[in-house]
Amino acid sequence: MKSITLNELRMQAEQLTHSVSEGPPLPCFDRALISLATILSVTSINPSTIEDAIEKAFKAGATVAQVQEIAALVSGLGTHSLMVSGATIVRVATDKGLLPRDLKFDRERKMLWDKHVGNDKFWENFSNELPGFLQSMLHLSPDMFVAFFNYCAIPWETGHVAAHIKELAAMACDITPSHCFGPGFRVHLSNVIKLGVGRQAIMEALDIAALAPIHIGYDKGR
């Protein structure tokens, strides 16, 4: 893996959307929820912007359930720590003789894999971006593997916010200045395109992401 900048990811987006129809601009409602997502993101938390972003979401017509669902969605960014560490933990532990070199799924792990991953194209695409992360997580902790899928599924199962808005929000969070998580960004961009979102709306979402605040620390009010 290597480091990457917001500008480099923006260039990737321009290349990957060159054949996408222009489409309409983002509605105010969509903009408000995408902006809220980037501000609530763990990599952007800034106490001076949170309340204002929530106020703007409500003003744009969002319900309490929709605002909460966006918060739940972006809280999943914490799982990126699992995504980038699992394969490395297994490799280093194997090199040190702490794990066998011929790791294989036992019966329990095979059943969990078939239940949660199987032939799901979404996880296939994500695994292409982060090879081995799901297998490593399952080898290291079946409990964490199950919890990962259960937690990440919540904002998609409740369904208060349209799927294309959640994908745009997730994509935007992955390209915020203090995150720039290329694997997730490309997966969510691909999903956005498949959902029929036009190029103009995609680029506007990236513009919103570029304005996300830098994480400066957070504490309770005095």
Protein backbone atom coordinates (compact mmCIF):
# COMPACT_ATOMS: atom_id res chain seq x y z
CA MET A 1 0.00 0.00 0.00
CA LYS A 2 1.12 3.57 -0.59
CA SER A 3 0.09 7.05 0.43
CA ILE A 4 -2.22 9.09 -1.80
CA THR A 5 -3.56 12.64 -1.83
CA LEU A 6 -7.00 14.12 -2.32
CA ASN A 7 -5.93 15.57 -5.68
CA GLU A 8 -4.74 12.17 -6.90
CA LEU A 9 -8.03 10.56 -5.93
CA ARG A 10 -9.90 13.41 -7.60
CA MET A 11 -8.00 12.68 -10.81
CA GLN A 12 -8.95 9.01 -10.51
CA ALA A 13 -12.60 10.03 -10.17
CA GLU A 14 -12.39 12.17 -13.30
CA GLN A 15 -10.95 9.24 -15.24
CA LEU A 16 -13.43 6.70 -13.91
CA THR A 17 -16.42 8.94 -14.68
CA HIS A 18 -15.36 10.19 -18.12
CA SER A 19 -18.09 8.14 -19.83
CA VAL A 20 -20.78 8.84 -17.18
CA SER A 21 -23.59 11.15 -18.30
CA GLU A 22 -23.47 14.65 -16.82
CA GLY A 23 -26.83 14.40 -15.05
CA PRO A 24 -28.44 16.98 -12.75
CA PRO A 25 -26.71 18.78 -9.86
CA LEU A 26 -27.06 17.56 -6.31
CA PRO A 27 -30.38 18.52 -4.68
CA CYS A 28 -30.09 20.61 -1.50
CA PHE A 29 -31.29 17.66 0.58
CA ASP A 30 -28.54 15.37 -0.74
CA ARG A 31 -25.91 18.08 -0.28
CA ALA A 32 -26.92 18.64 3.34
CA LEU A 33 -26.66 14.94 4.23
CA ILE A 34 -23.36 14.45 2.39
CA SER A 35 -21.91 17.50 4.13
CA LEU A 36 -23.17 16.22 7.47
CA ALA A 37 -21.48 12.88 6.80
CA THR A 38 -18.09 14.45 6.14
CA ILE A 39 -18.34 16.62 9.25
CA LEU A 40 -19.35 13.71 11.51
CA SER A 41 -16.60 11.51 10.09
CA VAL A 42 -14.11 10.39 12.75
CA THR A 43 -11.29 11.86 10.65
CA SER A 44 -12.91 15.30 10.49
CA ILE A 45 -14.58 15.85 13.87
CA ASN A 46 -14.56 19.55 14.68
CA PRO A 47 -16.84 20.71 17.53
CA SER A 48 -17.49 24.10 15.91
CA THR A 49 -19.11 22.57 12.80
CA ILE A 50 -21.22 19.65 14.06
CA GLU A 51 -24.26 21.49 15.37
CA ASP A 52 -24.43 23.74 12.31
CA ALA A 53 -24.29 20.71 9.97
CA ILE A 54 -27.13 19.02 11.88
CA GLU A 55 -29.18 22.22 11.80
CA LYS A 56 -28.69 22.47 8.02
CA ALA A 57 -29.73 18.85 7.54
CA PHE A 58 -32.99 19.44 9.41
CA LYS A 59 -33.55 22.68 7.51
CA ALA A 60 -33.15 20.77 4.23
CA GLY A 61 -35.94 18.45 5.30
CA ALA A 62 -34.10 15.54 6.91
CA THR A 63 -35.83 13.59 9.66
CA VAL A 64 -34.23 12.63 12.96
CA ALA A 65 -34.02 9.02 11.74
CA GLN A 66 -32.20 10.11 8.57
CA VAL A 67 -29.67 12.20 10.47
CA GLN A 68 -29.03 9.30 12.85
CA GLU A 69 -28.64 6.90 9.93
CA ILE A 70 -25.96 9.13 8.38
CA ALA A 71 -24.14 9.22 11.72
CA ALA A 72 -24.31 5.41 11.92
CA LEU A 73 -23.08 5.09 8.34
CA VAL A 74 -19.97 7.22 8.81
CA SER A 75 -19.14 5.68 12.17
CA GLY A 76 -18.18 2.62 10.16
CA LEU A 77 -15.03 4.41 9.02
CA GLY A 78 -13.43 3.06 12.17
CA THR A 79 -13.43 -0.37 10.54
CA HIS A 80 -10.77 0.85 8.13
CA SER A 81 -8.30 0.07 10.92
CA LEU A 82 -9.34 -3.58 10.62
CA MET A 83 -9.15 -3.48 6.83
CA VAL A 84 -5.58 -2.24 6.64
CA SER A 85 -4.16 -4.26 9.53
CA GLY A 86 -5.49 -7.79 9.26
CA ALA A 87 -3.36 -9.14 6.43
CA THR A 88 -0.25 -7.53 7.94
CA ILE A 89 -0.94 -9.03 11.37
CA VAL A 90 -1.25 -12.48 9.78
CA ARG A 91 1.89 -12.04 7.67
CA VAL A 92 4.10 -10.80 10.52
CA ALA A 93 2.74 -13.39 12.95
CA THR A 94 3.38 -16.12 10.39
CA ASP A 95 6.95 -14.91 9.80
CA LYS A 96 7.55 -15.06 13.56
CA GLY A 97 6.10 -18.56 13.86
CA LEU A 98 3.10 -17.38 15.86
CA LEU A 99 0.66 -18.64 13.22
CA PRO A 100 0.97 -21.64 10.85
CA ARG A 101 1.87 -20.93 7.24
CA ASP A 102 -0.95 -23.09 5.90
CA LEU A 103 -3.84 -21.26 7.56
CA LYS A 104 -7.15 -22.74 6.51
CA PHE A 105 -10.73 -22.14 7.57
CA ASP A 106 -12.11 -24.66 10.02
CA ARG A 107 -15.78 -25.72 9.77
CA GLU A 108 -17.04 -22.79 11.84
CA ARG A 109 -15.09 -20.21 9.84
CA LYS A 110 -16.17 -21.73 6.52
CA MET A 111 -19.82 -21.47 7.58
CA LEU A 112 -19.33 -17.83 8.62
CA TRP A 113 -17.62 -17.03 5.33
CA ASP A 114 -20.44 -18.56 3.28
CA LYS A 115 -23.05 -16.72 5.34
CA HIS A 116 -21.52 -13.23 5.30
CA VAL A 117 -19.43 -13.11 2.13
CA GLY A 118 -20.27 -15.96 -0.23
CA ASN A 119 -20.42 -14.64 -3.80
CA ASP A 120 -21.43 -11.09 -2.87
CA LYS A 121 -20.06 -8.78 -5.58
CA PHE A 122 -19.69 -5.87 -3.14
CA TRP A 123 -17.25 -7.76 -0.95
CA GLU A 124 -15.55 -9.23 -3.99
CA ASN A 125 -14.85 -5.70 -5.21
CA PHE A 126 -13.70 -4.60 -1.77
CA SER A 127 -11.40 -7.61 -1.51
CA ASN A 128 -9.85 -6.66 -4.85
CA GLU A 129 -8.96 -3.30 -3.32
CA LEU A 130 -7.76 -4.80 -0.02
CA PRO A 131 -6.63 -8.36 -0.77
CA GLY A 132 -6.96 -10.77 2.13
CA PHE A 133 -8.54 -8.42 4.67
CA LEU A 134 -11.72 -10.42 5.14
CA GLN A 135 -9.91 -13.76 5.29
CA SER A 136 -7.42 -12.36 7.79
CA MET A 137 -10.15 -10.92 10.00
CA LEU A 138 -11.93 -14.28 10.04
CA HIS A 139 -8.71 -16.15 10.83
CA LEU A 140 -7.85 -13.77 13.67
CA SER A 141 -11.28 -13.36 15.26
CA PRO A 142 -14.57 -14.93 14.13
CA ASP A 143 -16.34 -12.76 16.72
CA MET A 144 -14.91 -9.58 15.17
CA PHE A 145 -15.74 -10.87 11.68
CA VAL A 146 -19.41 -11.32 12.59
CA ALA A 147 -19.58 -8.03 14.49
CA PHE A 148 -18.05 -6.20 11.52
CA PHE A 149 -20.80 -7.38 9.16
CA ASN A 150 -23.59 -6.83 11.67
CA TYR A 151 -22.49 -3.29 12.52
CA CYS A 152 -21.82 -2.15 8.97
CA ALA A 153 -25.20 -3.48 7.84
CA ILE A 154 -27.29 -1.39 10.26
CA PRO A 155 -27.59 1.86 8.24
CA TRP A 156 -28.38 -0.17 5.10
CA GLU A 157 -31.04 -2.28 6.79
CA THR A 158 -32.86 0.64 8.42
CA GLY A 159 -33.16 2.30 5.02
CA HIS A 160 -34.21 5.82 6.02
CA VAL A 161 -31.84 7.44 3.49
CA ALA A 162 -31.77 6.54 -0.22
CA ALA A 163 -28.96 4.19 -1.21
CA HIS A 164 -27.38 6.62 -3.68
CA ILE A 165 -27.10 9.32 -0.99
CA LYS A 166 -25.43 6.89 1.42
CA GLU A 167 -22.99 5.77 -1.26
CA LEU A 168 -22.18 9.41 -2.12
CA ALA A 169 -21.74 10.16 1.58
CA ALA A 170 -19.45 7.16 2.10
CA MET A 171 -17.45 8.10 -0.98
CA ALA A 172 -17.13 11.69 0.23
CA CYS A 173 -15.96 10.61 3.69
CA ASP A 174 -13.28 8.41 2.12
CA ILE A 175 -11.82 11.36 0.21
CA THR A 176 -11.86 13.99 2.97
CA PRO A 177 -8.50 15.81 3.31
CA SER A 178 -7.49 14.04 6.52
CA HIS A 179 -8.49 10.55 5.37
CA CYS A 180 -8.02 9.91 1.61
CA PHE A 181 -8.82 6.18 1.84
CA GLY A 182 -8.38 5.07 -1.76
CA PRO A 183 -9.78 1.51 -1.55
CA GLY A 184 -13.10 2.55 -0.03
CA PHE A 185 -13.33 5.61 -2.24
CA ARG A 186 -13.09 3.56 -5.44
CA VAL A 187 -15.58 0.94 -4.24
CA HIS A 188 -18.17 3.55 -3.28
CA LEU A 189 -17.55 5.53 -6.48
CA SER A 190 -18.22 2.37 -8.49
CA ASN A 191 -21.45 1.80 -6.55
CA VAL A 192 -22.53 5.40 -7.11
CA ILE A 193 -22.06 5.01 -10.86
CA LYS A 194 -24.00 1.72 -10.86
CA LEU A 195 -26.86 3.47 -9.05
CA GLY A 196 -27.12 5.93 -11.94
CA VAL A 197 -25.74 9.07 -10.30
CA GLY A 198 -24.51 11.58 -12.89
CA ARG A 199 -21.01 13.00 -13.18
CA GLN A 200 -22.02 16.49 -12.03
CA ALA A 201 -23.47 15.19 -8.75
CA ILE A 202 -20.41 13.00 -8.15
CA MET A 203 -18.02 15.91 -8.62
CA GLU A 204 -20.13 18.13 -6.38
CA ALA A 205 -19.93 15.48 -3.66
CA LEU A 206 -16.14 15.52 -4.02
CA ASP A 207 -16.19 19.31 -3.71
CA ILE A 208 -18.13 18.97 -0.45
CA ALA A 209 -15.58 16.44 0.81
CA ALA A 210 -12.70 18.80 0.04
CA LEU A 211 -14.24 21.35 2.43
CA ALA A 212 -14.44 18.93 5.35
CA PRO A 213 -12.69 20.28 8.46
CA ILE A 214 -9.42 18.87 9.72
CA HIS A 215 -9.73 16.90 12.96
CA ILE A 216 -8.50 19.32 15.66
CA GLY A 217 -9.54 17.40 18.74
CA TYR A 218 -12.81 17.19 20.63
CA ASP A 219 -13.82 17.62 24.26
CA LYS A 220 -17.04 18.17 26.15
CA GLY A 221 -18.32 21.71 26.47
CA ARG A 222 -17.26 23.79 29.46
